[in-house]
Protein backbone atom coordinates (compact mmCIF):
# COMPACT_ATOMS: atom_id res chain seq x y z
CA MET A 1 0.02 -0.12 -0.17
CA LYS A 2 2.78 2.48 1.22
CA GLN A 3 4.92 1.75 -2.60
CA LEU A 4 1.84 2.37 -4.03
CA LEU A 5 0.90 5.44 -2.70
CA ARG A 6 4.06 6.67 -3.48
CA VAL A 7 3.88 5.97 -7.26
CA PHE A 8 0.56 8.09 -7.03
CA LEU A 9 2.38 11.05 -5.57
CA TRP A 10 5.24 10.53 -7.41
CA PRO A 11 4.34 13.09 -10.30
CA ALA A 12 3.71 16.06 -7.45
CA SER A 13 7.24 15.11 -6.16
CA VAL A 14 8.96 15.65 -9.77
CA LEU A 15 7.00 19.34 -9.71
CA TYR A 16 8.05 19.94 -6.33
CA GLY A 17 11.57 18.97 -7.15
CA LEU A 18 11.54 21.30 -9.91
CA ILE A 19 10.61 24.11 -8.18
CA VAL A 20 12.65 23.81 -5.03
CA GLY A 21 15.50 23.31 -7.58
CA PHE A 22 14.68 26.44 -9.52
CA ARG A 23 14.72 28.47 -6.15
CA ASN A 24 17.85 26.92 -5.28
CA TYR A 25 19.29 27.88 -8.82
CA LEU A 26 18.07 31.38 -8.48
CA TYR A 27 20.27 31.79 -5.44
CA ARG A 28 23.43 29.85 -6.99
CA VAL A 29 23.26 32.27 -9.97
CA GLY A 30 22.95 35.47 -7.46
CA TYR A 31 19.60 36.41 -8.78
CA LYS A 32 18.42 35.57 -5.30
CA LYS A 33 20.82 37.86 -2.66
CA SER A 34 22.34 35.36 0.20
CA PHE A 35 23.61 37.32 3.36
CA SER A 36 27.02 37.35 5.00
CA PHE A 37 27.74 38.48 8.15
CA GLN A 38 30.73 39.55 10.41
CA SER A 39 29.90 37.21 12.92
CA CYS A 40 30.62 33.35 11.96
CA ILE A 41 27.28 31.59 11.23
CA ILE A 42 27.11 27.72 11.84
CA SER A 43 24.13 26.35 10.30
CA VAL A 44 22.53 22.87 11.13
CA GLY A 45 20.10 21.43 9.25
CA ASN A 46 18.64 18.40 7.23
CA LEU A 47 17.01 17.47 3.82
CA SER A 48 14.41 15.67 5.30
CA VAL A 49 11.39 16.69 7.53
CA GLY A 50 11.51 16.27 11.24
CA GLY A 51 13.08 14.22 13.78
CA ASN A 52 16.65 13.97 12.10
CA GLY A 53 18.50 14.72 15.45
CA LYS A 54 19.38 18.73 15.36
CA THR A 55 18.77 20.04 18.69
CA PRO A 56 21.05 17.42 20.55
CA MET A 57 23.76 18.45 17.73
CA VAL A 58 22.68 22.38 18.39
CA GLU A 59 23.23 21.15 21.96
CA TYR A 60 26.63 19.64 21.35
CA LEU A 61 27.71 23.01 19.27
CA ILE A 62 26.91 24.90 22.19
CA ARG A 63 29.13 23.04 24.47
CA LEU A 64 31.78 23.20 22.50
CA LEU A 65 31.98 26.92 21.76
CA MET A 66 30.68 28.33 24.37
CA PRO A 67 33.38 28.65 26.64
CA ASN A 68 35.67 30.72 24.24
CA PHE A 69 32.72 32.38 22.02
CA ARG A 70 30.42 35.07 22.44
CA LEU A 71 27.56 32.74 21.02
CA ALA A 72 24.05 33.02 19.97
CA VAL A 73 21.36 30.51 18.62
CA LEU A 74 18.70 31.38 16.20
CA SER A 75 15.95 29.22 15.45
CA ARG A 76 12.58 29.94 13.65
CA GLY A 77 10.99 29.08 16.89
CA TYR A 78 8.40 26.52 15.54
CA GLY A 79 4.99 25.97 16.96
CA ARG A 80 5.19 29.53 18.96
CA LYS A 81 2.54 31.68 19.06
CA THR A 82 4.12 34.91 18.42
CA SER A 83 5.89 36.24 15.52
CA GLY A 84 8.73 38.14 13.70
CA PHE A 85 11.99 38.70 15.79
CA ARG A 86 11.82 37.82 19.57
CA LEU A 87 15.01 37.49 22.29
CA ALA A 88 14.14 34.72 24.32
CA LYS A 89 13.45 36.17 28.44
CA ILE A 90 13.36 34.32 31.47
CA ASP A 91 9.76 34.34 31.73
CA ASP A 92 8.84 33.00 28.43
CA LYS A 93 7.05 30.23 27.84
CA ALA A 94 7.30 27.61 24.79
CA SER A 95 4.27 29.53 23.35
CA ASP A 96 6.35 32.41 22.76
CA ILE A 97 9.39 31.03 21.24
CA GLY A 98 9.13 27.33 20.93
CA ASP A 99 9.83 24.33 22.61
CA GLU A 100 13.51 23.65 21.22
CA PRO A 101 14.66 27.20 22.14
CA LEU A 102 13.19 27.34 25.44
CA GLN A 103 14.75 24.20 25.96
CA MET A 104 18.30 25.58 25.13
CA PHE A 105 17.51 28.58 26.89
CA LEU A 106 16.86 26.94 30.10
CA LYS A 107 19.85 25.09 30.06
CA PHE A 108 22.19 27.57 28.83
CA GLN A 109 21.45 30.95 30.17
CA PRO A 110 22.55 33.71 30.87
CA GLN A 111 25.91 32.78 29.07
CA LEU A 112 23.76 32.22 25.97
CA LYS A 113 21.66 34.09 23.94
CA VAL A 114 18.48 32.34 21.96
CA ALA A 115 16.68 34.19 19.47
CA VAL A 116 13.70 33.31 17.29
CA GLY A 117 12.69 34.66 13.73
CA GLU A 118 11.25 33.18 10.55
CA SER A 119 13.59 35.22 8.64
CA ARG A 120 17.29 34.54 9.24
CA ALA A 121 18.44 37.38 7.35
CA LEU A 122 16.29 39.67 9.02
CA ALA A 123 16.75 38.10 12.55
CA ILE A 124 20.77 38.12 12.55
CA PRO A 125 21.12 41.88 12.42
CA ASN A 126 18.78 41.96 15.31
CA ILE A 127 20.85 39.69 17.49
CA LEU A 128 23.75 41.65 17.07
CA PHE A 129 22.30 44.96 18.02
CA GLU A 130 20.66 43.29 20.96
CA GLY A 131 24.41 41.62 21.39
CA PRO A 132 27.18 43.78 19.71
CA ASP A 133 30.13 41.30 21.05
CA ILE A 134 28.26 38.22 19.69
CA GLN A 135 31.11 36.27 17.55
CA ALA A 136 29.45 32.98 16.34
CA ILE A 137 25.85 32.38 15.78
CA VAL A 138 24.07 29.10 15.10
CA LEU A 139 21.43 28.79 12.92
CA ASP A 140 18.92 25.47 13.89
CA ASP A 141 17.25 24.24 11.27
CA ALA A 142 18.62 26.42 8.42
CA PHE A 143 19.87 24.35 5.75
CA GLN A 144 17.33 25.26 3.66
CA HIS A 145 17.78 28.96 4.37
CA LEU A 146 19.60 30.32 1.51
CA ALA A 147 18.99 34.04 2.29
CA VAL A 148 21.92 33.59 4.88
CA LYS A 149 25.40 32.47 3.46
CA PRO A 150 27.40 30.60 6.60
CA GLN A 151 30.48 29.84 7.25
CA PHE A 152 29.95 26.60 7.88
CA SER A 153 26.98 23.89 7.49
CA ILE A 154 26.66 20.80 8.98
CA LEU A 155 24.31 18.56 7.54
CA VAL A 156 22.79 15.77 9.65
CA THR A 157 20.71 12.84 8.92
CA ASP A 158 18.94 10.29 10.67
CA TYR A 159 20.49 6.46 10.50
CA TRP A 160 17.33 4.81 10.44
CA THR A 161 15.91 7.09 7.10
CA PRO A 162 18.99 8.59 5.66
CA PHE A 163 18.64 10.90 2.97
CA PHE A 164 19.94 8.72 0.00
CA ASN A 165 17.54 6.30 0.82
CA ASP A 166 14.68 8.66 0.63
CA LEU A 167 12.34 10.48 -1.88
CA LEU A 168 11.02 14.10 -2.38
CA LEU A 169 7.61 15.64 -0.53
CA PRO A 170 4.99 13.80 -1.09
CA SER A 171 6.33 10.70 -2.11
CA GLY A 172 8.78 10.66 0.61
CA ARG A 173 10.00 13.43 3.63
CA LEU A 174 13.09 15.27 1.64
CA ARG A 175 12.71 19.01 1.36
CA GLU A 176 15.07 19.26 -1.35
CA PRO A 177 16.72 16.68 -3.65
CA ARG A 178 19.54 14.99 -2.35
CA LYS A 179 22.29 16.57 -4.60
CA GLY A 180 21.98 19.43 -2.09
CA ALA A 181 23.83 17.56 0.45
CA ALA A 182 26.67 19.40 -1.48
CA ARG A 183 26.35 22.29 0.38
CA ALA A 184 27.30 21.01 3.81
CA ASP A 185 30.66 21.08 4.84
CA VAL A 186 30.11 17.99 7.24
CA VAL A 187 27.77 15.44 7.73
CA VAL A 188 26.61 14.04 10.39
CA VAL A 189 24.70 10.42 10.89
CA THR A 190 22.42 10.42 13.79
CA LYS A 191 20.39 8.38 16.02
CA CYS A 192 22.68 5.25 15.27
CA PRO A 193 23.23 2.12 17.22
CA PRO A 194 25.90 2.96 19.98
CA GLU A 195 27.53 -0.60 18.76
CA LEU A 196 27.27 0.45 15.11
CA GLY A 197 30.18 -1.20 13.28
CA MET A 198 33.04 -0.39 10.64
CA ASN A 199 31.46 -1.93 7.85
CA LYS A 200 28.24 -0.15 8.02
CA ARG A 201 29.98 3.03 8.65
CA GLN A 202 31.90 2.64 5.62
CA GLU A 203 28.59 1.44 3.38
CA TYR A 204 26.72 5.04 4.50
CA VAL A 205 30.06 7.05 3.80
CA ALA A 206 29.63 5.59 0.48
CA GLN A 207 26.60 6.43 0.20
CA VAL A 208 26.56 10.11 1.50
CA ARG A 209 29.88 10.47 -0.76
CA LYS A 210 27.90 9.79 -3.86
CA TYR A 211 26.21 13.18 -3.62
CA HIS A 212 29.37 14.80 -2.13
CA ALA A 213 32.81 13.62 -2.99
CA GLU A 214 35.29 13.46 -0.01
CA VAL A 215 32.74 15.33 2.85
CA PRO A 216 33.59 14.33 6.17
CA VAL A 217 31.34 11.84 7.43
CA PHE A 218 30.71 11.51 11.51
CA PHE A 219 28.52 9.35 13.29
CA THR A 220 26.62 9.87 16.53
CA TYR A 221 24.00 8.03 18.83
CA ILE A 222 21.53 9.49 21.44
CA ASN A 223 22.90 9.13 25.13
CA TYR A 224 20.02 9.02 27.21
CA LEU A 225 20.85 10.21 30.84
CA ASP A 226 18.79 9.31 34.24
CA PRO A 227 15.14 10.48 34.24
CA LEU A 228 14.82 13.64 36.25
CA HIS A 229 11.73 14.25 38.06
CA PHE A 230 9.63 17.27 36.51
CA THR A 231 9.57 19.85 39.36
CA THR A 232 12.52 18.29 41.98
CA GLY A 233 14.79 16.96 39.37
CA MET A 234 15.25 13.99 41.61
CA LYS A 235 15.95 10.58 40.11
CA PRO A 236 13.19 7.61 40.46
CA SER A 237 13.79 5.13 43.08
CA GLY A 238 13.96 1.34 42.37
CA ASP A 239 12.81 -0.37 39.06
CA PRO A 240 9.82 1.65 37.99
CA THR A 241 7.03 0.65 35.70
CA VAL A 242 6.95 3.28 33.01
CA LEU A 243 4.39 4.65 31.09
CA LEU A 244 5.89 6.70 28.29
CA PHE A 245 4.61 9.53 26.32
CA SER A 246 5.79 11.71 23.47
CA GLY A 247 5.23 14.50 20.87
CA ILE A 248 8.15 14.47 18.64
CA ALA A 249 8.61 13.46 15.02
CA LYS A 250 10.21 9.94 15.22
CA SER A 251 9.91 8.25 18.63
CA GLU A 252 11.28 4.58 17.43
CA THR A 253 14.89 5.11 19.08
CA LEU A 254 13.16 6.57 22.75
CA VAL A 255 10.95 3.54 22.56
CA ARG A 256 13.84 1.11 21.82
CA TYR A 257 15.71 2.64 24.45
CA VAL A 258 13.12 3.15 27.39
CA TYR A 259 12.13 -0.63 26.69
CA SER A 260 15.37 -2.15 26.96
CA LYS A 261 16.08 0.01 30.28
CA TYR A 262 12.71 -0.58 32.28
CA LYS A 263 9.41 -1.93 32.33
CA LEU A 264 7.57 -0.10 29.95
CA SER A 265 3.93 -0.59 30.16
CA GLU A 266 2.62 1.25 27.06
CA HIS A 267 3.80 4.36 24.64
CA VAL A 268 1.22 7.01 24.06
CA GLY A 269 2.53 8.98 21.21
CA TYR A 270 1.54 12.61 20.26
CA GLY A 271 2.49 14.62 16.77
CA ASP A 272 5.95 16.51 16.75
CA HIS A 273 5.66 19.55 19.00
CA TYR A 274 2.67 18.78 19.85
CA ARG A 275 0.61 21.39 22.26
CA TYR A 276 -1.08 19.46 25.73
CA SER A 277 -3.89 20.41 27.46
CA SER A 278 -5.81 19.39 30.34
CA LYS A 279 -7.65 16.78 28.23
CA GLU A 280 -4.31 14.88 27.24
CA MET A 281 -3.28 15.20 31.29
CA ALA A 282 -6.58 13.74 32.39
CA ASP A 283 -6.66 10.64 29.58
CA LEU A 284 -2.47 10.26 31.09
CA LYS A 285 -3.55 10.14 34.43
CA ASN A 286 -6.53 7.57 33.99
CA ARG A 287 -3.94 5.60 32.15
CA PHE A 288 -1.61 5.75 34.76
CA ALA A 289 -4.17 5.15 37.47
CA LYS A 290 -4.89 1.39 36.00
CA LEU A 291 -0.85 0.26 36.07
CA PRO A 292 -0.73 -2.68 38.92
CA GLY A 293 2.22 -2.19 41.69
CA ASP A 294 3.15 0.99 43.62
CA ASN A 295 6.24 2.44 42.10
CA ASN A 296 5.40 3.66 38.84
CA ILE A 297 6.11 6.79 36.69
CA LEU A 298 5.18 8.91 33.82
CA LEU A 299 7.92 9.72 31.51
CA THR A 300 8.44 11.88 28.61
CA THR A 301 11.37 13.35 26.76
CA GLU A 302 13.16 16.95 27.77
CA LYS A 303 11.24 18.63 24.56
CA ASP A 304 7.75 17.87 25.70
CA MET A 305 8.74 18.79 29.23
CA VAL A 306 9.18 22.38 28.56
CA ARG A 307 5.63 22.30 26.79
CA LEU A 308 3.98 20.75 30.06
CA MET A 309 5.72 23.68 32.28
CA GLU A 310 2.41 25.68 31.25
CA LEU A 311 0.27 22.83 32.70
CA LYS A 312 2.27 23.07 35.85
CA GLU A 313 -0.61 23.10 38.34
CA VAL A 314 -2.54 20.18 36.35
CA LEU A 315 0.61 18.07 36.77
CA GLU A 316 1.19 18.61 40.49
CA GLY A 317 1.51 15.82 42.72
CA MET A 318 2.36 13.32 39.42
CA PRO A 319 5.40 11.05 39.67
CA LEU A 320 6.31 12.68 36.20
CA TYR A 321 9.72 12.44 35.04
CA TYR A 322 11.74 13.52 31.82
CA LEU A 323 14.33 12.40 29.82
CA PRO A 324 17.83 14.33 29.45
CA ILE A 325 19.46 13.71 26.14
CA GLU A 326 22.88 14.35 24.65
CA CYS A 327 24.53 13.78 21.41
CA ALA A 328 27.54 11.59 21.28
CA PHE A 329 29.91 10.42 18.48
CA ILE A 330 30.90 6.76 18.16
CA ASP A 331 34.19 7.57 16.98
CA LYS A 332 36.59 10.94 15.17
CA GLN A 333 34.66 13.12 17.69
CA GLN A 334 38.09 15.23 18.32
CA GLU A 335 38.27 15.33 14.51
CA PHE A 336 34.53 16.83 14.34
CA ASN A 337 35.87 19.54 17.17
CA GLU A 338 38.88 20.54 14.96
CA ILE A 339 36.95 21.09 11.77
CA VAL A 340 34.16 23.12 13.58
CA LEU A 341 36.83 25.08 15.55
CA ASN A 342 38.91 25.87 12.58
CA SER A 343 36.19 27.34 10.48
CA LEU A 344 35.95 30.17 13.50
CA LYS A 345 39.43 30.88 13.06
CA SER A 346 38.77 34.25 11.13
CA VAL A 347 36.70 35.34 14.42
CA LYS A 348 39.12 37.67 15.60
CA ASN A 349 39.13 38.27 19.43
CA SER A 350 37.62 34.98 20.09
CA LYS A 351 38.60 34.58 23.50
CA ILE A 352 36.76 35.95 26.13
């Protein structure tokens, strides 16, 4: 059935590819303008829609760069109720700036400036006006935002659904043709099994380099940390039974991990960036109340956690935990770090 649907949608994918290809051509020949900035711009993005591991990669870059550079992160702020440029403030909610920008702001402020804006070309001058000492700006999900010319571009692709095996929208999940990978300075394959062997890695490198010869290719996995309580920050005790719920684009890796580590009763999935209401919380409480035993917890993702902050009163007293994650390299971490840091060598007076 899926293959039949892809065949049916193929003409629409061909038309979509022609439109996107023509748009990219206009940027290449200079008909559409790409803007450059004195501050170093690092772009993190992907060729396909949703769930490719961009946010853990951005947070990895923050940890790498923040000790030595005055840094800002710029995101579109998907799912927010506001519009235009906005610099994150301490009293902002996910509905103000989006869940992922708020997650990064809560983790890294006050050292990190976090901003949102639909047009990166217009938002960057605003960031530099608000923080004239900013030396580097990381653009989150900006691989297709050709109006800004980055000094360094990182393309991430999900191990389980790599771009080289995918098709253009609407037949597949690609936002643009595979050859767009040629704009990347490095490619990072995300969400890999931690034990991924060399033969499989070499196979993926060969596939990637069909579209960008000699590009450095790195392999990362999601490092899940201990669950933390929603309000107290405490870890759960004993060996709890877990009712897992999430509103993320691809939950398969999360479910596999929780199933391998805990007694998983069920996973309740919602749409990516899902905006929870009291109705969903009441349903989850009812499901939770039916679990046997007395050592049970509700578990969700860190991204979901920041959206749930607006329902704090509803969740009061619930054994609700979230699962922090980090991006970890299977190998060649130092090589990746050096490539990124070398891209910022043009930034003068980088030491704080």
